[in-house]
Amino acid sequence: MLQAFECWKAGADPLEWAKDHHEFGRAFESFPHDADAIFPGWRERLGANASEASA
């Protein structure tokens, strides 16, 4: 994913980057269990709908 590379190249915080790059941000919602493991608190920081909360 190009946006992930651009985030890495910029040395940006992925959660901050996701706020302005919505396609990149959707990855957190698409893979919520992985996002929970790698970025605890991502739902709160991104204001994501936590309808798929950890089961």
PDB file of N, CA and C in Angstrom:
ATOM      1  N   MET A   1       0.855  -1.169   0.000  1.00  0.00           N
ATOM      2  CA  MET A   1       0.000   0.000   0.000  1.00  0.00           C
ATOM      3  C   MET A   1       0.900   1.231   0.000  1.00  0.00           C
ATOM      4  N   LEU A   2       0.711   2.069  -0.964  1.00  0.00           N
ATOM      5  CA  LEU A   2       1.540   3.263  -1.133  1.00  0.00           C
ATOM      6  C   LEU A   2       1.445   4.196   0.074  1.00  0.00           C
ATOM      7  N   GLN A   3       0.253   4.350   0.633  1.00  0.00           N
ATOM      8  CA  GLN A   3       0.110   5.274   1.767  1.00  0.00           C
ATOM      9  C   GLN A   3       0.884   4.784   2.984  1.00  0.00           C
ATOM     10  N   ALA A   4       0.961   3.469   3.180  1.00  0.00           N
ATOM     11  CA  ALA A   4       1.742   2.927   4.289  1.00  0.00           C
ATOM     12  C   ALA A   4       3.227   3.247   4.092  1.00  0.00           C
ATOM     13  N   PHE A   5       3.695   3.109   2.875  1.00  0.00           N
ATOM     14  CA  PHE A   5       5.088   3.445   2.571  1.00  0.00           C
ATOM     15  C   PHE A   5       5.339   4.930   2.795  1.00  0.00           C
ATOM     16  N   GLU A   6       4.427   5.763   2.327  1.00  0.00           N
ATOM     17  CA  GLU A   6       4.580   7.211   2.496  1.00  0.00           C
ATOM     18  C   GLU A   6       4.600   7.585   3.977  1.00  0.00           C
ATOM     19  N   CYS A   7       3.770   6.936   4.777  1.00  0.00           N
ATOM     20  CA  CYS A   7       3.755   7.174   6.223  1.00  0.00           C
ATOM     21  C   CYS A   7       5.103   6.813   6.823  1.00  0.00           C
ATOM     22  N   TRP A   8       5.601   5.639   6.464  1.00  0.00           N
ATOM     23  CA  TRP A   8       6.890   5.178   6.969  1.00  0.00           C
ATOM     24  C   TRP A   8       8.006   6.134   6.546  1.00  0.00           C
ATOM     25  N   LYS A   9       8.000   6.507   5.259  1.00  0.00           N
ATOM     26  CA  LYS A   9       9.041   7.377   4.722  1.00  0.00           C
ATOM     27  C   LYS A   9       9.045   8.734   5.426  1.00  0.00           C
ATOM     28  N   ALA A  10       7.861   9.230   5.772  1.00  0.00           N
ATOM     29  CA  ALA A  10       7.750  10.512   6.459  1.00  0.00           C
ATOM     30  C   ALA A  10       8.095  10.414   7.943  1.00  0.00           C
ATOM     31  N   GLY A  11       8.208   9.188   8.447  1.00  0.00           N
ATOM     32  CA  GLY A  11       8.484   9.009   9.871  1.00  0.00           C
ATOM     33  C   GLY A  11       7.305   9.419  10.736  1.00  0.00           C
ATOM     34  N   ALA A  12       6.101   9.332  10.160  1.00  0.00           N
ATOM     35  CA  ALA A  12       4.892   9.795  10.842  1.00  0.00           C
ATOM     36  C   ALA A  12       4.318   8.726  11.768  1.00  0.00           C
ATOM     37  N   ASP A  13       3.569   9.175  12.733  1.00  0.00           N
ATOM     38  CA  ASP A  13       2.790   8.290  13.592  1.00  0.00           C
ATOM     39  C   ASP A  13       1.648   7.737  12.741  1.00  0.00           C
ATOM     40  N   PRO A  14       1.540   6.414  12.601  1.00  0.00           N
ATOM     41  CA  PRO A  14       0.492   5.843  11.746  1.00  0.00           C
ATOM     42  C   PRO A  14      -0.923   6.280  12.109  1.00  0.00           C
ATOM     43  N   LEU A  15      -1.200   6.459  13.381  1.00  0.00           N
ATOM     44  CA  LEU A  15      -2.545   6.876  13.766  1.00  0.00           C
ATOM     45  C   LEU A  15      -2.807   8.328  13.377  1.00  0.00           C
ATOM     46  N   GLU A  16      -1.815   9.182  13.491  1.00  0.00           N
ATOM     47  CA  GLU A  16      -1.980  10.567  13.053  1.00  0.00           C
ATOM     48  C   GLU A  16      -2.099  10.622  11.530  1.00  0.00           C
ATOM     49  N   TRP A  17      -1.299   9.818  10.849  1.00  0.00           N
ATOM     50  CA  TRP A  17      -1.338   9.767   9.383  1.00  0.00           C
ATOM     51  C   TRP A  17      -2.721   9.325   8.915  1.00  0.00           C
ATOM     52  N   ALA A  18      -3.306   8.358   9.603  1.00  0.00           N
ATOM     53  CA  ALA A  18      -4.614   7.818   9.219  1.00  0.00           C
ATOM     54  C   ALA A  18      -5.717   8.870   9.297  1.00  0.00           C
ATOM     55  N   LYS A  19      -5.554   9.859  10.146  1.00  0.00           N
ATOM     56  CA  LYS A  19      -6.578  10.899  10.271  1.00  0.00           C
ATOM     57  C   LYS A  19      -6.733  11.707   8.985  1.00  0.00           C
ATOM     58  N   ASP A  20      -5.644  11.882   8.248  1.00  0.00           N
ATOM     59  CA  ASP A  20      -5.684  12.652   7.009  1.00  0.00           C
ATOM     60  C   ASP A  20      -5.670  11.787   5.757  1.00  0.00           C
ATOM     61  N   HIS A  21      -5.389  10.516   5.901  1.00  0.00           N
ATOM     62  CA  HIS A  21      -5.299   9.584   4.773  1.00  0.00           C
ATOM     63  C   HIS A  21      -6.294   8.452   5.033  1.00  0.00           C
ATOM     64  N   HIS A  22      -7.526   8.693   4.646  1.00  0.00           N
ATOM     65  CA  HIS A  22      -8.627   7.815   5.022  1.00  0.00           C
ATOM     66  C   HIS A  22      -8.510   6.398   4.458  1.00  0.00           C
ATOM     67  N   GLU A  23      -7.943   6.253   3.282  1.00  0.00           N
ATOM     68  CA  GLU A  23      -7.756   4.904   2.731  1.00  0.00           C
ATOM     69  C   GLU A  23      -6.825   4.105   3.640  1.00  0.00           C
ATOM     70  N   PHE A  24      -5.769   4.733   4.106  1.00  0.00           N
ATOM     71  CA  PHE A  24      -4.843   4.109   5.038  1.00  0.00           C
ATOM     72  C   PHE A  24      -5.559   3.801   6.355  1.00  0.00           C
ATOM     73  N   GLY A  25      -6.366   4.728   6.822  1.00  0.00           N
ATOM     74  CA  GLY A  25      -7.090   4.555   8.081  1.00  0.00           C
ATOM     75  C   GLY A  25      -8.074   3.399   8.056  1.00  0.00           C
ATOM     76  N   ARG A  26      -8.634   3.113   6.894  1.00  0.00           N
ATOM     77  CA  ARG A  26      -9.580   2.002   6.801  1.00  0.00           C
ATOM     78  C   ARG A  26      -8.932   0.655   7.097  1.00  0.00           C
ATOM     79  N   ALA A  27      -7.626   0.564   6.947  1.00  0.00           N
ATOM     80  CA  ALA A  27      -6.931  -0.689   7.260  1.00  0.00           C
ATOM     81  C   ALA A  27      -7.105  -1.052   8.732  1.00  0.00           C
ATOM     82  N   PHE A  28      -7.166  -0.046   9.603  1.00  0.00           N
ATOM     83  CA  PHE A  28      -7.367  -0.323  11.022  1.00  0.00           C
ATOM     84  C   PHE A  28      -8.733  -0.972  11.245  1.00  0.00           C
ATOM     85  N   GLU A  29      -9.739  -0.472  10.547  1.00  0.00           N
ATOM     86  CA  GLU A  29     -11.082  -1.026  10.692  1.00  0.00           C
ATOM     87  C   GLU A  29     -11.219  -2.367   9.983  1.00  0.00           C
ATOM     88  N   SER A  30     -10.455  -2.570   8.917  1.00  0.00           N
ATOM     89  CA  SER A  30     -10.522  -3.833   8.183  1.00  0.00           C
ATOM     90  C   SER A  30      -9.864  -4.975   8.950  1.00  0.00           C
ATOM     91  N   PHE A  31      -8.873  -4.644   9.757  1.00  0.00           N
ATOM     92  CA  PHE A  31      -8.132  -5.654  10.521  1.00  0.00           C
ATOM     93  C   PHE A  31      -8.090  -5.261  11.995  1.00  0.00           C
ATOM     94  N   PRO A  32      -9.260  -5.207  12.643  1.00  0.00           N
ATOM     95  CA  PRO A  32      -9.315  -4.671  14.010  1.00  0.00           C
ATOM     96  C   PRO A  32      -8.520  -5.464  15.041  1.00  0.00           C
ATOM     97  N   HIS A  33      -8.460  -6.779  14.898  1.00  0.00           N
ATOM     98  CA  HIS A  33      -7.723  -7.572  15.897  1.00  0.00           C
ATOM     99  C   HIS A  33      -6.222  -7.320  15.789  1.00  0.00           C
ATOM    100  N   ASP A  34      -5.723  -7.195  14.562  1.00  0.00           N
ATOM    101  CA  ASP A  34      -4.310  -6.859  14.380  1.00  0.00           C
ATOM    102  C   ASP A  34      -4.040  -5.445  14.883  1.00  0.00           C
ATOM    103  N   ALA A  35      -4.927  -4.512  14.563  1.00  0.00           N
ATOM    104  CA  ALA A  35      -4.756  -3.132  15.010  1.00  0.00           C
ATOM    105  C   ALA A  35      -4.765  -3.049  16.535  1.00  0.00           C
ATOM    106  N   ASP A  36      -5.628  -3.843  17.191  1.00  0.00           N
ATOM    107  CA  ASP A  36      -5.661  -3.855  18.658  1.00  0.00           C
ATOM    108  C   ASP A  36      -4.316  -4.293  19.232  1.00  0.00           C
ATOM    109  N   ALA A  37      -3.714  -5.299  18.599  1.00  0.00           N
ATOM    110  CA  ALA A  37      -2.444  -5.831  19.096  1.00  0.00           C
ATOM    111  C   ALA A  37      -1.281  -4.857  18.879  1.00  0.00           C
ATOM    112  N   ILE A  38      -1.303  -4.160  17.743  1.00  0.00           N
ATOM    113  CA  ILE A  38      -0.171  -3.309  17.385  1.00  0.00           C
ATOM    114  C   ILE A  38      -0.340  -1.868  17.858  1.00  0.00           C
ATOM    115  N   PHE A  39      -1.576  -1.370  17.820  1.00  0.00           N
ATOM    116  CA  PHE A  39      -1.865   0.028  18.176  1.00  0.00           C
ATOM    117  C   PHE A  39      -2.999   0.091  19.193  1.00  0.00           C
ATOM    118  N   PRO A  40      -2.748  -0.326  20.446  1.00  0.00           N
ATOM    119  CA  PRO A  40      -3.810  -0.248  21.447  1.00  0.00           C
ATOM    120  C   PRO A  40      -4.358   1.181  21.532  1.00  0.00           C
ATOM    121  N   GLY A  41      -5.666   1.296  21.634  1.00  0.00           N
ATOM    122  CA  GLY A  41      -6.296   2.606  21.731  1.00  0.00           C
ATOM    123  C   GLY A  41      -6.559   3.261  20.389  1.00  0.00           C
ATOM    124  N   TRP A  42      -6.375   2.534  19.296  1.00  0.00           N
ATOM    125  CA  TRP A  42      -6.556   3.129  17.964  1.00  0.00           C
ATOM    126  C   TRP A  42      -7.977   3.604  17.737  1.00  0.00           C
ATOM    127  N   ARG A  43      -8.964   2.900  18.277  1.00  0.00           N
ATOM    128  CA  ARG A  43     -10.365   3.306  18.066  1.00  0.00           C
ATOM    129  C   ARG A  43     -10.623   4.694  18.634  1.00  0.00           C
ATOM    130  N   GLU A  44     -10.120   4.932  19.831  1.00  0.00           N
ATOM    131  CA  GLU A  44     -10.320   6.230  20.465  1.00  0.00           C
ATOM    132  C   GLU A  44      -9.589   7.333  19.709  1.00  0.00           C
ATOM    133  N   ARG A  45      -8.368   7.061  19.298  1.00  0.00           N
ATOM    134  CA  ARG A  45      -7.574   8.091  18.615  1.00  0.00           C
ATOM    135  C   ARG A  45      -8.106   8.418  17.233  1.00  0.00           C
ATOM    136  N   LEU A  46      -8.687   7.416  16.564  1.00  0.00           N
ATOM    137  CA  LEU A  46      -9.210   7.662  15.222  1.00  0.00           C
ATOM    138  C   LEU A  46     -10.699   7.967  15.223  1.00  0.00           C
ATOM    139  N   GLY A  47     -11.347   7.810  16.371  1.00  0.00           N
ATOM    140  CA  GLY A  47     -12.785   8.019  16.418  1.00  0.00           C
ATOM    141  C   GLY A  47     -13.521   6.968  15.620  1.00  0.00           C
ATOM    142  N   ALA A  48     -12.953   5.760  15.563  1.00  0.00           N
ATOM    143  CA  ALA A  48     -13.536   4.680  14.770  1.00  0.00           C
ATOM    144  C   ALA A  48     -14.782   4.123  15.431  1.00  0.00           C
ATOM    145  N   ASN A  49     -15.681   3.642  14.609  1.00  0.00           N
ATOM    146  CA  ASN A  49     -16.853   2.926  15.108  1.00  0.00           C
ATOM    147  C   ASN A  49     -16.372   1.576  15.597  1.00  0.00           C
ATOM    148  N   ALA A  50     -16.529   1.338  16.860  1.00  0.00           N
ATOM    149  CA  ALA A  50     -16.029   0.092  17.443  1.00  0.00           C
ATOM    150  C   ALA A  50     -17.099  -0.989  17.439  1.00  0.00           C
ATOM    151  N   SER A  51     -17.887  -1.032  16.377  1.00  0.00           N
ATOM    152  CA  SER A  51     -18.948  -2.028  16.303  1.00  0.00           C
ATOM    153  C   SER A  51     -18.394  -3.433  16.227  1.00  0.00           C
ATOM    154  N   GLU A  52     -17.138  -3.580  15.788  1.00  0.00           N
ATOM    155  CA  GLU A  52     -16.516  -4.886  15.722  1.00  0.00           C
ATOM    156  C   GLU A  52     -15.501  -5.014  16.859  1.00  0.00           C
ATOM    157  N   ALA A  53     -15.945  -4.690  18.050  1.00  0.00           N
ATOM    158  CA  ALA A  53     -15.053  -4.745  19.205  1.00  0.00           C
ATOM    159  C   ALA A  53     -14.523  -6.160  19.386  1.00  0.00           C
ATOM    160  N   SER A  54     -13.388  -6.243  20.037  1.00  0.00           N
ATOM    161  CA  SER A  54     -12.767  -7.543  20.250  1.00  0.00           C
ATOM    162  C   SER A  54     -13.737  -8.538  20.838  1.00  0.00           C
ATOM    163  N   ALA A  55     -13.702  -9.733  20.268  1.00  0.00           N
ATOM    164  CA  ALA A  55     -14.599 -10.800  20.743  1.00  0.00           C
ATOM    165  C   ALA A  55     -13.858 -11.758  21.621  1.00  0.00           C
TER     166      ALA A  55
END
